[in-house]
N, C-alpha and C. Protein backbone atom coordinates (compact mmCIF):
# COMPACT_ATOMS: atom_id res chain seq x y z
N MET A 1 -52.70 0.19 -8.85
CA MET A 1 -51.79 0.92 -9.74
C MET A 1 -51.02 1.98 -8.96
N ARG A 2 -51.81 2.69 -8.10
CA ARG A 2 -51.15 3.72 -7.30
C ARG A 2 -50.12 3.10 -6.36
N SER A 3 -50.43 1.93 -5.79
CA SER A 3 -49.50 1.25 -4.89
C SER A 3 -48.22 0.86 -5.61
N LEU A 4 -48.35 0.39 -6.87
CA LEU A 4 -47.20 0.00 -7.65
C LEU A 4 -46.32 1.21 -7.94
N LEU A 5 -46.94 2.34 -8.26
CA LEU A 5 -46.20 3.56 -8.54
C LEU A 5 -45.44 4.03 -7.30
N CYS A 6 -46.12 3.97 -6.15
CA CYS A 6 -45.46 4.37 -4.91
C CYS A 6 -44.27 3.47 -4.60
N LEU A 7 -44.45 2.16 -4.86
CA LEU A 7 -43.36 1.23 -4.62
C LEU A 7 -42.17 1.53 -5.50
N CYS A 8 -42.43 1.82 -6.80
CA CYS A 8 -41.34 2.15 -7.73
C CYS A 8 -40.60 3.40 -7.30
N LEU A 9 -41.38 4.42 -6.87
CA LEU A 9 -40.74 5.66 -6.42
C LEU A 9 -39.89 5.42 -5.18
N LEU A 10 -40.38 4.55 -4.29
CA LEU A 10 -39.63 4.23 -3.09
C LEU A 10 -38.33 3.54 -3.41
N VAL A 11 -38.35 2.61 -4.38
CA VAL A 11 -37.15 1.90 -4.80
C VAL A 11 -36.14 2.86 -5.41
N VAL A 12 -36.62 3.76 -6.27
CA VAL A 12 -35.74 4.75 -6.90
C VAL A 12 -35.10 5.65 -5.86
N PHE A 13 -35.92 6.11 -4.90
CA PHE A 13 -35.41 6.99 -3.85
C PHE A 13 -34.36 6.28 -2.99
N ALA A 14 -34.67 5.02 -2.63
CA ALA A 14 -33.73 4.26 -1.82
C ALA A 14 -32.42 4.03 -2.55
N GLY A 15 -32.51 3.76 -3.86
CA GLY A 15 -31.30 3.55 -4.65
C GLY A 15 -30.46 4.80 -4.74
N ALA A 16 -31.13 5.95 -4.95
CA ALA A 16 -30.41 7.22 -5.03
C ALA A 16 -29.76 7.54 -3.70
N GLN A 17 -30.49 7.26 -2.60
CA GLN A 17 -29.93 7.54 -1.28
C GLN A 17 -28.72 6.67 -1.00
N ALA A 18 -28.82 5.37 -1.39
CA ALA A 18 -27.70 4.46 -1.19
C ALA A 18 -26.49 4.91 -1.97
N GLN A 19 -26.72 5.43 -3.20
CA GLN A 19 -25.61 5.90 -4.03
C GLN A 19 -24.96 7.11 -3.39
N ASP A 20 -25.78 8.02 -2.81
CA ASP A 20 -25.24 9.21 -2.18
C ASP A 20 -24.39 8.85 -0.97
N GLU A 21 -24.79 7.77 -0.27
CA GLU A 21 -24.12 7.39 0.95
C GLU A 21 -22.89 6.50 0.71
N SER A 22 -22.68 6.08 -0.54
CA SER A 22 -21.57 5.18 -0.81
C SER A 22 -20.24 5.90 -0.63
N LEU A 23 -19.21 5.12 -0.32
CA LEU A 23 -17.88 5.69 -0.05
C LEU A 23 -17.16 5.98 -1.36
N PRO A 24 -16.83 7.24 -1.64
CA PRO A 24 -16.10 7.56 -2.88
C PRO A 24 -14.61 7.25 -2.71
N ASP A 25 -14.00 6.68 -3.72
CA ASP A 25 -12.57 6.39 -3.68
C ASP A 25 -11.82 7.54 -4.37
N LEU A 26 -11.21 8.40 -3.57
CA LEU A 26 -10.53 9.59 -4.10
C LEU A 26 -9.04 9.35 -4.33
N ARG A 27 -8.58 8.13 -4.14
CA ARG A 27 -7.14 7.86 -4.21
C ARG A 27 -6.62 7.88 -5.64
N ASN A 28 -5.36 8.25 -5.76
CA ASN A 28 -4.74 8.53 -7.05
C ASN A 28 -4.44 7.23 -7.82
N LYS A 29 -5.21 6.97 -8.87
CA LYS A 29 -4.98 5.76 -9.67
C LYS A 29 -3.74 5.87 -10.56
N ARG A 30 -3.17 7.07 -10.66
CA ARG A 30 -1.97 7.25 -11.50
C ARG A 30 -0.74 6.59 -10.91
N GLU A 31 -0.82 6.17 -9.65
CA GLU A 31 0.30 5.48 -9.03
C GLU A 31 0.18 3.96 -9.13
N SER A 32 -0.84 3.46 -9.82
CA SER A 32 -1.03 2.02 -9.92
C SER A 32 -0.08 1.42 -10.95
N PHE A 33 0.07 0.09 -10.89
CA PHE A 33 0.97 -0.60 -11.82
C PHE A 33 0.57 -0.35 -13.27
N THR A 34 -0.72 -0.38 -13.56
CA THR A 34 -1.17 -0.25 -14.94
C THR A 34 -0.80 1.09 -15.56
N LYS A 35 -0.54 2.10 -14.73
CA LYS A 35 -0.17 3.43 -15.23
C LYS A 35 1.34 3.62 -15.33
N TYR A 36 2.10 2.66 -14.82
CA TYR A 36 3.56 2.84 -14.82
C TYR A 36 4.10 2.67 -16.24
N PRO A 37 5.04 3.53 -16.66
CA PRO A 37 5.56 3.46 -18.04
C PRO A 37 6.22 2.11 -18.33
N LYS A 38 6.14 1.70 -19.57
CA LYS A 38 6.79 0.45 -19.98
C LYS A 38 8.30 0.62 -19.92
N GLY A 39 8.98 -0.47 -19.55
CA GLY A 39 10.43 -0.44 -19.46
C GLY A 39 10.91 -1.43 -18.42
N GLU A 40 12.17 -1.30 -18.03
CA GLU A 40 12.80 -2.26 -17.12
C GLU A 40 12.13 -2.30 -15.75
N ILE A 41 11.78 -1.13 -15.22
CA ILE A 41 11.17 -1.11 -13.89
C ILE A 41 9.81 -1.79 -13.92
N ARG A 42 9.00 -1.49 -14.91
CA ARG A 42 7.70 -2.14 -15.01
C ARG A 42 7.86 -3.65 -15.16
N ASP A 43 8.83 -4.08 -15.96
CA ASP A 43 9.08 -5.52 -16.12
C ASP A 43 9.46 -6.16 -14.79
N ASP A 44 10.30 -5.46 -14.01
CA ASP A 44 10.68 -5.98 -12.70
C ASP A 44 9.46 -6.06 -11.77
N LEU A 45 8.65 -5.01 -11.75
CA LEU A 45 7.47 -4.97 -10.88
C LEU A 45 6.51 -6.12 -11.18
N ALA A 46 6.43 -6.48 -12.45
CA ALA A 46 5.50 -7.55 -12.85
C ALA A 46 5.89 -8.90 -12.26
N THR A 47 7.14 -9.06 -11.84
CA THR A 47 7.59 -10.36 -11.33
C THR A 47 7.09 -10.64 -9.91
N PHE A 48 6.65 -9.59 -9.18
CA PHE A 48 6.24 -9.84 -7.79
C PHE A 48 4.97 -9.13 -7.35
N THR A 49 4.54 -8.06 -8.02
CA THR A 49 3.33 -7.37 -7.57
C THR A 49 2.07 -8.09 -8.03
N ILE A 50 1.04 -7.94 -7.23
CA ILE A 50 -0.26 -8.50 -7.62
C ILE A 50 -0.85 -7.66 -8.74
N GLY A 51 -0.63 -6.35 -8.70
CA GLY A 51 -1.12 -5.48 -9.76
C GLY A 51 -0.54 -5.82 -11.12
N GLY A 52 0.67 -6.42 -11.14
CA GLY A 52 1.33 -6.74 -12.40
C GLY A 52 1.26 -8.20 -12.79
N ILE A 53 0.40 -8.96 -12.14
CA ILE A 53 0.39 -10.41 -12.35
C ILE A 53 0.06 -10.81 -13.78
N ASP A 54 -0.72 -9.98 -14.48
CA ASP A 54 -1.08 -10.32 -15.87
C ASP A 54 0.11 -10.25 -16.81
N GLU A 55 1.19 -9.59 -16.41
CA GLU A 55 2.39 -9.46 -17.24
C GLU A 55 3.55 -10.32 -16.73
N ARG A 56 3.25 -11.23 -15.83
CA ARG A 56 4.32 -12.02 -15.18
C ARG A 56 4.80 -13.18 -16.03
N LEU A 57 3.98 -13.68 -16.91
CA LEU A 57 4.31 -14.87 -17.67
C LEU A 57 5.64 -14.71 -18.42
N GLY A 58 6.55 -15.67 -18.25
CA GLY A 58 7.82 -15.65 -18.96
C GLY A 58 8.92 -14.85 -18.29
N LYS A 59 8.62 -14.23 -17.16
CA LYS A 59 9.62 -13.42 -16.44
C LYS A 59 10.18 -14.21 -15.26
N ASP A 60 11.48 -14.17 -15.11
CA ASP A 60 12.14 -14.88 -14.00
C ASP A 60 12.01 -14.08 -12.71
N PRO A 61 11.87 -14.76 -11.58
CA PRO A 61 11.80 -14.06 -10.29
C PRO A 61 13.08 -13.27 -10.01
N LEU A 62 12.95 -12.16 -9.30
CA LEU A 62 14.11 -11.37 -8.92
C LEU A 62 14.72 -11.92 -7.65
N PRO A 63 16.05 -11.76 -7.49
CA PRO A 63 16.66 -12.09 -6.19
C PRO A 63 16.14 -11.14 -5.12
N LYS A 64 16.17 -11.57 -3.87
CA LYS A 64 15.67 -10.70 -2.81
C LYS A 64 16.48 -10.85 -1.53
N LEU A 65 16.41 -9.82 -0.71
CA LEU A 65 17.05 -9.85 0.60
C LEU A 65 16.18 -10.66 1.56
N PRO A 66 16.79 -11.50 2.38
CA PRO A 66 15.99 -12.26 3.33
C PRO A 66 15.47 -11.38 4.47
N ALA A 67 14.26 -11.69 4.93
CA ALA A 67 13.73 -11.03 6.13
C ALA A 67 14.36 -11.71 7.34
N THR A 68 15.16 -10.97 8.08
CA THR A 68 15.89 -11.55 9.21
C THR A 68 15.17 -11.39 10.54
N ASP A 69 14.23 -10.45 10.61
CA ASP A 69 13.48 -10.27 11.85
C ASP A 69 12.17 -9.57 11.53
N TYR A 70 11.07 -10.07 12.06
CA TYR A 70 9.79 -9.38 11.89
C TYR A 70 8.86 -9.72 13.04
N ASN A 71 8.06 -8.72 13.40
CA ASN A 71 7.09 -8.85 14.48
C ASN A 71 5.92 -7.93 14.16
N MET A 72 5.07 -7.65 15.12
CA MET A 72 3.88 -6.84 14.86
C MET A 72 4.20 -5.36 14.62
N HIS A 73 5.42 -4.94 14.94
CA HIS A 73 5.75 -3.51 14.91
C HIS A 73 6.84 -3.14 13.91
N SER A 74 7.56 -4.11 13.38
CA SER A 74 8.66 -3.78 12.45
C SER A 74 9.08 -5.01 11.66
N ILE A 75 9.87 -4.74 10.63
CA ILE A 75 10.46 -5.83 9.85
C ILE A 75 11.84 -5.39 9.38
N THR A 76 12.78 -6.34 9.36
CA THR A 76 14.16 -6.05 8.95
C THR A 76 14.59 -7.03 7.87
N PHE A 77 15.22 -6.50 6.83
CA PHE A 77 15.80 -7.31 5.75
C PHE A 77 17.30 -7.02 5.73
N GLU A 78 18.10 -8.07 5.57
CA GLU A 78 19.55 -7.88 5.55
C GLU A 78 20.22 -8.85 4.58
N GLY A 79 21.33 -8.36 3.98
CA GLY A 79 22.12 -9.22 3.12
C GLY A 79 23.16 -8.43 2.35
N ASP A 80 24.40 -8.94 2.30
CA ASP A 80 25.47 -8.37 1.49
C ASP A 80 25.61 -6.85 1.69
N LYS A 81 25.80 -6.43 2.96
CA LYS A 81 26.00 -5.03 3.32
C LYS A 81 24.80 -4.14 2.98
N GLN A 82 23.63 -4.75 2.88
CA GLN A 82 22.39 -4.01 2.63
C GLN A 82 21.41 -4.30 3.75
N LYS A 83 20.71 -3.27 4.18
CA LYS A 83 19.75 -3.44 5.28
C LYS A 83 18.56 -2.51 5.09
N VAL A 84 17.38 -3.03 5.27
CA VAL A 84 16.15 -2.25 5.19
C VAL A 84 15.33 -2.52 6.45
N VAL A 85 14.91 -1.45 7.12
CA VAL A 85 14.10 -1.59 8.33
C VAL A 85 12.85 -0.72 8.18
N ILE A 86 11.69 -1.32 8.36
CA ILE A 86 10.41 -0.60 8.31
C ILE A 86 9.77 -0.71 9.69
N THR A 87 9.34 0.41 10.24
CA THR A 87 8.73 0.41 11.56
C THR A 87 7.36 1.08 11.53
N SER A 88 6.54 0.74 12.52
CA SER A 88 5.21 1.31 12.61
C SER A 88 5.11 2.27 13.80
N GLY A 89 4.06 3.06 13.80
CA GLY A 89 3.79 3.96 14.91
C GLY A 89 2.30 4.02 15.16
N THR A 90 1.90 4.80 16.16
CA THR A 90 0.49 4.95 16.51
C THR A 90 -0.08 6.20 15.87
N PHE A 91 -1.25 6.09 15.26
CA PHE A 91 -1.90 7.25 14.65
C PHE A 91 -2.61 8.05 15.73
N GLU A 92 -2.27 9.34 15.82
CA GLU A 92 -2.92 10.23 16.78
C GLU A 92 -3.79 11.22 16.01
N ALA A 93 -5.08 10.96 16.03
CA ALA A 93 -6.02 11.73 15.22
C ALA A 93 -6.00 13.22 15.55
N SER A 94 -5.75 13.56 16.80
CA SER A 94 -5.79 14.97 17.22
C SER A 94 -4.68 15.80 16.56
N LYS A 95 -3.66 15.13 16.02
CA LYS A 95 -2.55 15.84 15.40
C LYS A 95 -2.71 15.97 13.89
N HIS A 96 -3.88 15.58 13.37
CA HIS A 96 -4.09 15.59 11.92
C HIS A 96 -5.42 16.26 11.58
N LYS A 97 -5.49 16.75 10.35
CA LYS A 97 -6.74 17.29 9.83
C LYS A 97 -7.49 16.17 9.10
N LEU A 98 -8.69 15.91 9.54
CA LEU A 98 -9.48 14.81 8.99
C LEU A 98 -10.64 15.36 8.17
N PHE A 99 -10.79 14.85 6.96
CA PHE A 99 -11.87 15.29 6.07
C PHE A 99 -12.83 14.13 5.84
N TYR A 100 -14.10 14.37 6.17
CA TYR A 100 -15.11 13.31 6.06
C TYR A 100 -16.05 13.55 4.88
N TYR A 101 -16.65 12.47 4.45
CA TYR A 101 -17.66 12.51 3.39
C TYR A 101 -18.99 12.06 3.97
N TYR A 102 -20.06 12.66 3.47
CA TYR A 102 -21.42 12.32 3.86
C TYR A 102 -21.64 12.44 5.36
N ASP A 103 -21.66 13.67 5.83
CA ASP A 103 -22.01 13.99 7.20
C ASP A 103 -21.16 13.20 8.21
N LYS A 104 -19.87 13.19 7.95
CA LYS A 104 -18.89 12.55 8.82
C LYS A 104 -19.07 11.04 8.94
N LYS A 105 -19.67 10.44 7.92
CA LYS A 105 -19.84 8.98 7.95
C LYS A 105 -18.57 8.27 7.53
N TYR A 106 -17.86 8.83 6.52
CA TYR A 106 -16.65 8.19 6.00
C TYR A 106 -15.48 9.17 6.02
N LEU A 107 -14.35 8.70 6.51
CA LEU A 107 -13.13 9.49 6.43
C LEU A 107 -12.48 9.23 5.07
N VAL A 108 -12.20 10.30 4.30
CA VAL A 108 -11.65 10.12 2.97
C VAL A 108 -10.31 10.83 2.76
N LYS A 109 -9.96 11.78 3.64
CA LYS A 109 -8.68 12.47 3.51
C LYS A 109 -8.07 12.71 4.89
N ILE A 110 -6.76 12.58 4.95
CA ILE A 110 -6.00 12.92 6.15
C ILE A 110 -4.96 13.95 5.75
N ASP A 111 -4.98 15.09 6.41
CA ASP A 111 -4.07 16.20 6.08
C ASP A 111 -4.19 16.59 4.61
N GLY A 112 -5.40 16.56 4.12
CA GLY A 112 -5.67 17.03 2.75
C GLY A 112 -5.44 16.01 1.66
N LYS A 113 -5.07 14.77 2.02
CA LYS A 113 -4.77 13.76 1.00
C LYS A 113 -5.57 12.48 1.24
N PRO A 114 -6.07 11.87 0.16
CA PRO A 114 -6.65 10.53 0.30
C PRO A 114 -5.56 9.57 0.80
N TYR A 115 -5.97 8.47 1.39
CA TYR A 115 -4.98 7.60 2.04
C TYR A 115 -5.31 6.13 1.81
N TYR A 116 -4.36 5.29 2.16
CA TYR A 116 -4.52 3.84 2.05
C TYR A 116 -4.42 3.22 3.45
N GLY A 117 -5.18 2.17 3.67
CA GLY A 117 -5.18 1.49 4.97
C GLY A 117 -6.41 1.87 5.77
N ASP A 118 -7.39 0.95 5.83
CA ASP A 118 -8.65 1.23 6.53
C ASP A 118 -9.33 2.47 5.96
N TYR A 119 -9.30 2.62 4.65
CA TYR A 119 -9.90 3.78 3.99
C TYR A 119 -11.39 3.86 4.36
N GLY A 120 -11.80 5.03 4.80
CA GLY A 120 -13.19 5.24 5.20
C GLY A 120 -13.34 5.39 6.71
N SER A 121 -12.32 4.96 7.45
CA SER A 121 -12.37 5.09 8.91
C SER A 121 -11.02 5.58 9.43
N ILE A 122 -10.97 5.93 10.70
CA ILE A 122 -9.74 6.47 11.28
C ILE A 122 -8.72 5.35 11.49
N PRO A 123 -7.53 5.49 10.93
CA PRO A 123 -6.49 4.46 11.12
C PRO A 123 -6.04 4.40 12.58
N THR A 124 -5.43 3.29 12.93
CA THR A 124 -4.86 3.16 14.27
C THR A 124 -3.34 3.12 14.25
N THR A 125 -2.75 2.67 13.11
CA THR A 125 -1.29 2.56 13.03
C THR A 125 -0.77 3.22 11.76
N THR A 126 0.47 3.67 11.83
CA THR A 126 1.13 4.35 10.72
C THR A 126 2.40 3.60 10.33
N ILE A 127 2.96 3.96 9.18
CA ILE A 127 4.34 3.60 8.86
C ILE A 127 5.19 4.77 9.33
N SER A 128 5.98 4.56 10.35
CA SER A 128 6.71 5.69 10.94
C SER A 128 8.07 5.92 10.30
N SER A 129 8.66 4.86 9.71
CA SER A 129 9.96 5.05 9.06
C SER A 129 10.26 3.91 8.10
N VAL A 130 11.00 4.24 7.04
CA VAL A 130 11.55 3.26 6.10
C VAL A 130 13.02 3.61 5.95
N ASN A 131 13.89 2.83 6.58
CA ASN A 131 15.32 3.12 6.60
C ASN A 131 16.08 2.14 5.72
N VAL A 132 16.94 2.68 4.87
CA VAL A 132 17.72 1.85 3.95
C VAL A 132 19.20 2.18 4.12
N ILE A 133 20.01 1.14 4.35
CA ILE A 133 21.46 1.29 4.46
C ILE A 133 22.13 0.43 3.40
N LEU A 134 22.96 1.04 2.57
CA LEU A 134 23.66 0.32 1.51
C LEU A 134 25.16 0.40 1.74
N ASN A 135 25.86 -0.60 1.23
CA ASN A 135 27.32 -0.69 1.39
C ASN A 135 27.75 -0.67 2.85
N GLY A 136 26.84 -1.06 3.72
CA GLY A 136 27.14 -1.12 5.14
C GLY A 136 27.22 0.20 5.85
N LYS A 137 27.06 1.34 5.11
CA LYS A 137 27.24 2.64 5.76
C LYS A 137 26.43 3.78 5.14
N ASP A 138 26.06 3.68 3.86
CA ASP A 138 25.39 4.78 3.17
C ASP A 138 23.87 4.69 3.38
N THR A 139 23.29 5.77 3.88
CA THR A 139 21.85 5.81 4.13
C THR A 139 21.13 6.43 2.94
N VAL A 140 20.10 5.76 2.45
CA VAL A 140 19.26 6.29 1.37
C VAL A 140 18.01 6.89 1.99
N ALA A 141 17.75 8.14 1.69
CA ALA A 141 16.61 8.82 2.29
C ALA A 141 15.32 8.46 1.56
N ILE A 142 14.40 7.85 2.29
CA ILE A 142 13.04 7.65 1.77
C ILE A 142 12.20 8.78 2.35
N PRO A 143 11.72 9.71 1.55
CA PRO A 143 11.02 10.87 2.09
C PRO A 143 9.74 10.47 2.81
N PRO A 144 9.43 11.12 3.94
CA PRO A 144 8.19 10.82 4.67
C PRO A 144 6.94 10.90 3.80
N ALA A 145 6.96 11.77 2.78
CA ALA A 145 5.80 11.88 1.89
C ALA A 145 5.52 10.58 1.15
N ALA A 146 6.53 9.71 1.05
CA ALA A 146 6.36 8.44 0.34
C ALA A 146 5.58 7.42 1.15
N TYR A 147 5.38 7.70 2.45
CA TYR A 147 4.60 6.76 3.27
C TYR A 147 3.65 7.46 4.25
N ALA A 148 3.58 8.78 4.20
CA ALA A 148 2.71 9.52 5.13
C ALA A 148 1.23 9.22 4.93
N ASP A 149 0.84 8.80 3.73
CA ASP A 149 -0.56 8.49 3.45
C ASP A 149 -0.83 6.99 3.45
N LEU A 150 0.08 6.22 4.01
CA LEU A 150 -0.06 4.76 4.08
C LEU A 150 -0.23 4.34 5.54
N PHE A 151 -1.32 3.60 5.81
CA PHE A 151 -1.62 3.22 7.18
C PHE A 151 -1.88 1.72 7.30
N HIS A 152 -2.02 1.29 8.55
CA HIS A 152 -2.28 -0.11 8.90
C HIS A 152 -1.26 -1.06 8.26
N PRO A 153 0.03 -0.85 8.53
CA PRO A 153 1.04 -1.78 8.02
C PRO A 153 0.87 -3.16 8.64
N GLU A 154 1.09 -4.18 7.83
CA GLU A 154 1.02 -5.56 8.32
C GLU A 154 2.38 -6.22 8.08
N PHE A 155 3.07 -6.51 9.15
CA PHE A 155 4.40 -7.09 9.03
C PHE A 155 4.38 -8.61 9.02
N THR A 156 3.33 -9.21 9.59
CA THR A 156 3.28 -10.66 9.68
C THR A 156 1.86 -11.17 9.42
N TYR A 157 1.76 -12.45 9.15
CA TYR A 157 0.48 -13.16 9.14
C TYR A 157 0.75 -14.60 9.57
N SER A 158 -0.29 -15.28 9.97
CA SER A 158 -0.15 -16.66 10.44
C SER A 158 -0.74 -17.63 9.43
N GLU A 159 0.01 -18.68 9.15
CA GLU A 159 -0.47 -19.72 8.23
C GLU A 159 -0.10 -21.08 8.81
N GLY A 160 -1.12 -21.83 9.16
CA GLY A 160 -0.87 -23.15 9.73
C GLY A 160 -0.06 -23.13 11.00
N GLY A 161 -0.23 -22.06 11.80
CA GLY A 161 0.51 -21.94 13.04
C GLY A 161 1.91 -21.36 12.89
N THR A 162 2.30 -21.04 11.65
CA THR A 162 3.62 -20.46 11.39
C THR A 162 3.49 -18.98 11.07
N ILE A 163 4.32 -18.15 11.67
CA ILE A 163 4.31 -16.71 11.41
C ILE A 163 5.12 -16.43 10.14
N LYS A 164 4.50 -15.76 9.17
CA LYS A 164 5.15 -15.45 7.91
C LYS A 164 4.96 -13.97 7.58
N THR A 165 5.53 -13.55 6.46
CA THR A 165 5.34 -12.18 6.00
C THR A 165 5.14 -12.16 4.49
N HIS A 166 4.27 -11.25 4.04
CA HIS A 166 4.09 -11.02 2.60
C HIS A 166 5.14 -10.06 2.06
N ASN A 167 5.80 -9.35 2.95
CA ASN A 167 6.67 -8.25 2.55
C ASN A 167 8.04 -8.75 2.10
N ALA A 168 8.70 -7.95 1.26
CA ALA A 168 9.97 -8.41 0.70
C ALA A 168 10.78 -7.22 0.17
N VAL A 169 12.06 -7.46 -0.05
CA VAL A 169 12.93 -6.49 -0.72
C VAL A 169 13.57 -7.22 -1.90
N TYR A 170 13.28 -6.73 -3.10
CA TYR A 170 13.77 -7.36 -4.33
C TYR A 170 14.89 -6.52 -4.93
N LEU A 171 15.79 -7.18 -5.62
CA LEU A 171 16.92 -6.52 -6.29
C LEU A 171 16.87 -6.82 -7.78
N SER A 172 17.07 -5.79 -8.60
CA SER A 172 17.12 -6.03 -10.04
C SER A 172 18.36 -6.86 -10.37
N LYS A 173 18.31 -7.56 -11.46
CA LYS A 173 19.42 -8.45 -11.81
C LYS A 173 20.71 -7.70 -12.13
N ASP A 174 20.57 -6.44 -12.55
CA ASP A 174 21.77 -5.65 -12.82
C ASP A 174 22.27 -4.90 -11.58
N LYS A 175 21.56 -5.09 -10.44
CA LYS A 175 21.94 -4.51 -9.15
C LYS A 175 21.77 -2.99 -9.08
N HIS A 176 21.14 -2.40 -10.07
CA HIS A 176 20.97 -0.94 -10.05
C HIS A 176 19.70 -0.51 -9.31
N ARG A 177 18.77 -1.44 -9.09
CA ARG A 177 17.49 -1.06 -8.49
C ARG A 177 17.14 -1.96 -7.31
N MET A 178 16.47 -1.35 -6.35
CA MET A 178 15.93 -2.07 -5.20
C MET A 178 14.44 -1.75 -5.10
N TYR A 179 13.66 -2.78 -4.78
CA TYR A 179 12.22 -2.62 -4.65
C TYR A 179 11.79 -3.07 -3.25
N ILE A 180 11.28 -2.14 -2.46
CA ILE A 180 10.82 -2.45 -1.11
C ILE A 180 9.31 -2.63 -1.17
N TYR A 181 8.87 -3.84 -0.87
CA TYR A 181 7.48 -4.23 -1.15
C TYR A 181 6.73 -4.56 0.14
N MET A 182 5.51 -4.01 0.26
CA MET A 182 4.66 -4.31 1.41
C MET A 182 3.24 -4.62 0.96
N VAL A 183 2.59 -5.50 1.70
CA VAL A 183 1.15 -5.76 1.55
C VAL A 183 0.51 -5.41 2.89
N ASN A 184 -0.39 -4.43 2.88
CA ASN A 184 -0.97 -3.92 4.12
C ASN A 184 -2.50 -4.01 4.10
N ALA A 185 -3.10 -3.76 5.25
CA ALA A 185 -4.53 -4.02 5.42
C ALA A 185 -5.41 -2.86 4.99
N GLU A 186 -6.55 -3.21 4.41
CA GLU A 186 -7.63 -2.28 4.14
C GLU A 186 -8.87 -2.77 4.89
N ALA A 187 -9.93 -1.97 4.88
CA ALA A 187 -11.17 -2.42 5.51
C ALA A 187 -11.67 -3.69 4.84
N ILE A 188 -11.53 -3.74 3.51
CA ILE A 188 -11.84 -4.95 2.74
C ILE A 188 -10.62 -5.26 1.87
N GLY A 189 -10.02 -6.42 2.08
CA GLY A 189 -8.87 -6.80 1.30
C GLY A 189 -7.58 -6.12 1.75
N LYS A 190 -6.67 -5.93 0.79
CA LYS A 190 -5.35 -5.37 1.09
C LYS A 190 -4.99 -4.29 0.07
N TYR A 191 -3.90 -3.58 0.36
CA TYR A 191 -3.26 -2.75 -0.66
C TYR A 191 -1.78 -3.09 -0.67
N GLU A 192 -1.14 -2.90 -1.81
CA GLU A 192 0.29 -3.17 -1.92
C GLU A 192 1.02 -1.89 -2.32
N VAL A 193 2.21 -1.72 -1.80
CA VAL A 193 3.04 -0.57 -2.15
C VAL A 193 4.46 -1.06 -2.43
N THR A 194 5.08 -0.49 -3.45
CA THR A 194 6.48 -0.77 -3.75
C THR A 194 7.21 0.56 -3.85
N TRP A 195 8.20 0.75 -2.96
CA TRP A 195 9.08 1.91 -3.06
C TRP A 195 10.26 1.53 -3.95
N ILE A 196 10.58 2.39 -4.90
CA ILE A 196 11.59 2.06 -5.90
C ILE A 196 12.84 2.92 -5.69
N LEU A 197 13.99 2.24 -5.60
CA LEU A 197 15.28 2.92 -5.51
C LEU A 197 16.10 2.56 -6.74
N GLN A 198 16.72 3.56 -7.33
CA GLN A 198 17.58 3.32 -8.49
C GLN A 198 18.90 4.05 -8.30
N ASP A 199 19.99 3.31 -8.44
CA ASP A 199 21.33 3.87 -8.24
C ASP A 199 21.43 4.62 -6.91
N ASN A 200 20.91 3.96 -5.87
CA ASN A 200 20.99 4.44 -4.49
C ASN A 200 20.17 5.71 -4.23
N LYS A 201 19.14 5.95 -5.05
CA LYS A 201 18.26 7.10 -4.85
C LYS A 201 16.80 6.66 -4.96
N TYR A 202 15.96 7.26 -4.11
CA TYR A 202 14.53 6.98 -4.18
C TYR A 202 13.95 7.68 -5.41
N VAL A 203 13.22 6.93 -6.25
CA VAL A 203 12.69 7.52 -7.49
C VAL A 203 11.17 7.45 -7.60
N GLY A 204 10.50 6.80 -6.66
CA GLY A 204 9.04 6.78 -6.73
C GLY A 204 8.44 5.53 -6.12
N ARG A 205 7.13 5.42 -6.26
CA ARG A 205 6.43 4.27 -5.68
C ARG A 205 5.28 3.84 -6.58
N VAL A 206 4.80 2.63 -6.35
CA VAL A 206 3.64 2.10 -7.05
C VAL A 206 2.68 1.57 -5.98
N VAL A 207 1.41 1.97 -6.06
CA VAL A 207 0.42 1.56 -5.07
C VAL A 207 -0.83 1.04 -5.77
N ASP A 208 -1.29 -0.13 -5.34
CA ASP A 208 -2.54 -0.70 -5.84
C ASP A 208 -3.38 -1.17 -4.66
N SER A 209 -4.66 -0.82 -4.66
CA SER A 209 -5.55 -1.22 -3.58
C SER A 209 -6.60 -2.19 -4.11
N GLY A 210 -7.39 -2.74 -3.19
CA GLY A 210 -8.45 -3.65 -3.57
C GLY A 210 -7.97 -5.03 -3.97
N ILE A 211 -6.81 -5.45 -3.46
CA ILE A 211 -6.27 -6.77 -3.79
C ILE A 211 -6.56 -7.75 -2.65
N MET A 212 -6.47 -9.04 -2.93
CA MET A 212 -6.63 -10.09 -1.92
C MET A 212 -7.92 -9.94 -1.13
N ARG A 213 -9.02 -9.68 -1.84
CA ARG A 213 -10.31 -9.54 -1.15
C ARG A 213 -10.83 -10.88 -0.69
């Protein structure tokens, strides 16, 4: 009887310890697709995001800019006097404030903010820039804060010996909105981000993690 009691206490203690050591997800769920207000933008997002797949039925695909060049470090989309270029950089840990959980076992914040891309460990690559040129000359500013907490960008993947990309730039049918879409790496699975431009201005983003596990 005493042995059984000791075993039960050991199991309870081990379970509690495992729970204490688990990685907490501190990332903002308010930026996910499910939290985005209903309307035209949400309807557009549902046509291509994985987070919005449950609302895709009956919606026509959006037109998109072709990816004209992509490699391990950047991707370029071009079409009809429109151009989008996304580039990566190297993460230098010494230049950032790192916040760990559970005796430095898990990294959960960089510069005071939870982040995406290899969450729980130190990233190796960053998104260094997102450049948008419209009408062949007008530059749309994507603020660094819109991608400063996004890491481990993935510009390509291989399928059957062919190099492809999950990333895309979609255009609303009324031409008023542009959606810059990326699927990037996590420790387990992927995360997706969509930067939203409306009438040539950046208006926000949608981020969902834990996809494509």
